[in-house]
C-alpha atoms as a PDB file:
ATOM      1  CA  MET A   1      71.043  35.271 171.311  1.00  0.00           C
ATOM      2  CA  ASP A   2      71.527  32.468 168.810  1.00  0.00           C
ATOM      3  CA  LEU A   3      68.838  32.081 166.197  1.00  0.00           C
ATOM      4  CA  ASP A   4      68.772  28.763 164.386  1.00  0.00           C
ATOM      5  CA  PHE A   5      66.349  28.512 161.518  1.00  0.00           C
ATOM      6  CA  PRO A   6      65.505  25.182 159.939  1.00  0.00           C
ATOM      7  CA  GLU A   7      66.956  24.837 156.474  1.00  0.00           C
ATOM      8  CA  ILE A   8      64.439  23.940 153.791  1.00  0.00           C
ATOM      9  CA  VAL A   9      65.988  21.700 151.140  1.00  0.00           C
ATOM     10  CA  PHE A  10      64.648  20.570 147.771  1.00  0.00           C
ATOM     11  CA  VAL A  11      65.930  17.192 146.601  1.00  0.00           C
ATOM     12  CA  LEU A  12      66.094  16.686 142.855  1.00  0.00           C
ATOM     13  CA  HIS A  13      65.111  13.009 142.575  1.00  0.00           C
ATOM     14  CA  GLY A  14      64.917  12.968 138.797  1.00  0.00           C
ATOM     15  CA  LEU A  15      68.678  13.359 138.448  1.00  0.00           C
ATOM     16  CA  ASN A  16      69.497  10.165 140.367  1.00  0.00           C
ATOM     17  CA  VAL A  17      68.662   8.013 137.353  1.00  0.00           C
ATOM     18  CA  THR A  18      71.087   9.890 135.099  1.00  0.00           C
ATOM     19  CA  GLN A  19      74.281   8.876 136.937  1.00  0.00           C
ATOM     20  CA  THR A  20      75.249   6.286 134.334  1.00  0.00           C
ATOM     21  CA  ASN A  21      75.127   8.731 131.402  1.00  0.00           C
ATOM     22  CA  ARG A  22      75.864  11.971 133.197  1.00  0.00           C
ATOM     23  CA  TYR A  23      78.863  12.913 131.016  1.00  0.00           C
ATOM     24  CA  ILE A  24      76.782  12.546 127.869  1.00  0.00           C
ATOM     25  CA  TYR A  25      74.033  14.684 129.416  1.00  0.00           C
ATOM     26  CA  PHE A  26      76.603  17.215 130.626  1.00  0.00           C
ATOM     27  CA  VAL A  27      78.088  17.663 127.146  1.00  0.00           C
ATOM     28  CA  PHE A  28      74.642  17.821 125.532  1.00  0.00           C
ATOM     29  CA  ILE A  29      73.372  20.456 127.977  1.00  0.00           C
ATOM     30  CA  LEU A  30      76.609  22.443 127.665  1.00  0.00           C
ATOM     31  CA  MET A  31      76.284  22.466 123.865  1.00  0.00           C
ATOM     32  CA  LEU A  32      72.631  23.479 124.182  1.00  0.00           C
ATOM     33  CA  TYR A  33      73.629  26.335 126.511  1.00  0.00           C
ATOM     34  CA  PHE A  34      76.321  27.587 124.117  1.00  0.00           C
ATOM     35  CA  PHE A  35      73.931  27.288 121.155  1.00  0.00           C
ATOM     36  CA  THR A  36      71.248  29.267 123.004  1.00  0.00           C
ATOM     37  CA  MET A  37      73.726  31.985 123.943  1.00  0.00           C
ATOM     38  CA  PHE A  38      75.144  32.117 120.411  1.00  0.00           C
ATOM     39  CA  ILE A  39      71.735  32.476 118.747  1.00  0.00           C
ATOM     40  CA  ASN A  40      70.537  35.128 121.218  1.00  0.00           C
ATOM     41  CA  LEU A  41      73.756  37.159 120.969  1.00  0.00           C
ATOM     42  CA  THR A  42      73.740  36.889 117.175  1.00  0.00           C
ATOM     43  CA  LEU A  43      70.189  38.235 116.992  1.00  0.00           C
ATOM     44  CA  ILE A  44      70.992  41.062 119.423  1.00  0.00           C
ATOM     45  CA  PHE A  45      74.090  42.152 117.492  1.00  0.00           C
ATOM     46  CA  LEU A  46      72.246  41.884 114.181  1.00  0.00           C
ATOM     47  CA  ILE A  47      69.397  44.080 115.429  1.00  0.00           C
ATOM     48  CA  VAL A  48      71.756  46.612 117.024  1.00  0.00           C
ATOM     49  CA  LEU A  49      74.092  46.904 114.033  1.00  0.00           C
ATOM     50  CA  GLU A  50      71.497  46.976 111.246  1.00  0.00           C
ATOM     51  CA  LYS A  51      69.757  50.365 111.146  1.00  0.00           C
ATOM     52  CA  MET A  52      66.839  49.000 109.144  1.00  0.00           C
ATOM     53  CA  LEU A  53      65.918  46.720 112.091  1.00  0.00           C
ATOM     54  CA  HIS A  54      65.370  49.555 114.575  1.00  0.00           C
ATOM     55  CA  ASP A  55      61.604  49.162 114.447  1.00  0.00           C
ATOM     56  CA  PRO A  56      59.569  48.467 117.601  1.00  0.00           C
ATOM     57  CA  MET A  57      58.959  44.847 116.605  1.00  0.00           C
ATOM     58  CA  TYR A  58      62.686  44.111 116.301  1.00  0.00           C
ATOM     59  CA  LEU A  59      63.497  45.984 119.499  1.00  0.00           C
ATOM     60  CA  PHE A  60      60.915  43.783 121.237  1.00  0.00           C
ATOM     61  CA  LEU A  61      62.623  40.735 119.711  1.00  0.00           C
ATOM     62  CA  CYS A  62      65.949  42.057 121.026  1.00  0.00           C
ATOM     63  CA  ASN A  63      64.417  42.369 124.487  1.00  0.00           C
ATOM     64  CA  LEU A  64      63.187  38.769 124.281  1.00  0.00           C
ATOM     65  CA  CYS A  65      66.720  37.668 123.412  1.00  0.00           C
ATOM     66  CA  VAL A  66      68.111  39.514 126.444  1.00  0.00           C
ATOM     67  CA  ASN A  67      65.523  37.782 128.620  1.00  0.00           C
ATOM     68  CA  GLY A  68      66.511  34.473 127.051  1.00  0.00           C
ATOM     69  CA  ILE A  69      70.153  35.102 127.938  1.00  0.00           C
ATOM     70  CA  ILE A  70      69.248  35.952 131.521  1.00  0.00           C
ATOM     71  CA  GLY A  71      67.028  32.905 131.874  1.00  0.00           C
ATOM     72  CA  SER A  72      69.582  30.573 130.299  1.00  0.00           C
ATOM     73  CA  SER A  73      72.363  31.977 132.470  1.00  0.00           C
ATOM     74  CA  SER A  74      70.397  31.205 135.600  1.00  0.00           C
ATOM     75  CA  PHE A  75      69.115  27.748 134.589  1.00  0.00           C
ATOM     76  CA  TYR A  76      71.840  25.945 132.636  1.00  0.00           C
ATOM     77  CA  PRO A  77      74.844  26.501 134.970  1.00  0.00           C
ATOM     78  CA  LYS A  78      72.868  25.124 137.933  1.00  0.00           C
ATOM     79  CA  MET A  79      71.735  22.149 135.851  1.00  0.00           C
ATOM     80  CA  LEU A  80      75.321  21.488 134.773  1.00  0.00           C
ATOM     81  CA  TYR A  81      76.455  21.710 138.386  1.00  0.00           C
ATOM     82  CA  ASP A  82      73.779  19.258 139.517  1.00  0.00           C
ATOM     83  CA  ILE A  83      74.634  16.769 136.781  1.00  0.00           C
ATOM     84  CA  SER A  84      78.377  16.874 137.394  1.00  0.00           C
ATOM     85  CA  PHE A  85      78.230  16.298 141.173  1.00  0.00           C
ATOM     86  CA  ASP A  86      76.599  13.591 143.260  1.00  0.00           C
ATOM     87  CA  SER A  87      74.748  16.054 145.492  1.00  0.00           C
ATOM     88  CA  HIS A  88      71.311  16.787 144.035  1.00  0.00           C
ATOM     89  CA  VAL A  89      69.902  19.211 146.583  1.00  0.00           C
ATOM     90  CA  ILE A  90      69.172  22.901 146.467  1.00  0.00           C
ATOM     91  CA  THR A  91      68.274  24.967 149.480  1.00  0.00           C
ATOM     92  CA  TYR A  92      65.304  27.271 149.599  1.00  0.00           C
ATOM     93  CA  ILE A  93      67.734  30.129 150.203  1.00  0.00           C
ATOM     94  CA  GLY A  94      69.613  29.067 147.056  1.00  0.00           C
ATOM     95  CA  THR A  95      66.457  29.294 144.976  1.00  0.00           C
ATOM     96  CA  SER A  96      65.612  32.684 146.388  1.00  0.00           C
ATOM     97  CA  ASN A  97      69.155  33.941 145.693  1.00  0.00           C
ATOM     98  CA  VAL A  98      68.978  32.819 142.071  1.00  0.00           C
ATOM     99  CA  THR A  99      65.545  34.421 141.726  1.00  0.00           C
ATOM    100  CA  GLN A 100      66.780  37.630 143.314  1.00  0.00           C
ATOM    101  CA  MET A 101      69.819  37.825 141.031  1.00  0.00           C
ATOM    102  CA  THR A 102      67.647  37.211 137.985  1.00  0.00           C
ATOM    103  CA  LEU A 103      65.166  39.908 138.996  1.00  0.00           C
ATOM    104  CA  GLU A 104      67.989  42.362 139.635  1.00  0.00           C
ATOM    105  CA  LEU A 105      69.391  41.735 136.163  1.00  0.00           C
ATOM    106  CA  VAL A 106      65.972  42.183 134.598  1.00  0.00           C
ATOM    107  CA  MET A 107      65.385  45.468 136.422  1.00  0.00           C
ATOM    108  CA  ILE A 108      68.675  47.020 135.227  1.00  0.00           C
END
């Protein structure tokens, strides 16, 4: 019994225009990703190491930084991949896998 399911594909049409400047966009997005990670990790380490910042408001801010890291780690690498290659498609299964991995990280 061979089950063939149709593959649903999303085509990212907005990235076709960026082929002429894709290296500039790649470097800019990579720097933005590193800056986002640096700021979030700096705030997390500052809140964890400083005893005076162990109030509920700062712990909530720390949680927001963790969520920012998870969100950035799921968005920016895929965007960098799409900019660096000529193929601008993502399958529906690919989107559900990224969503599932993100939800699993959040639930830990």
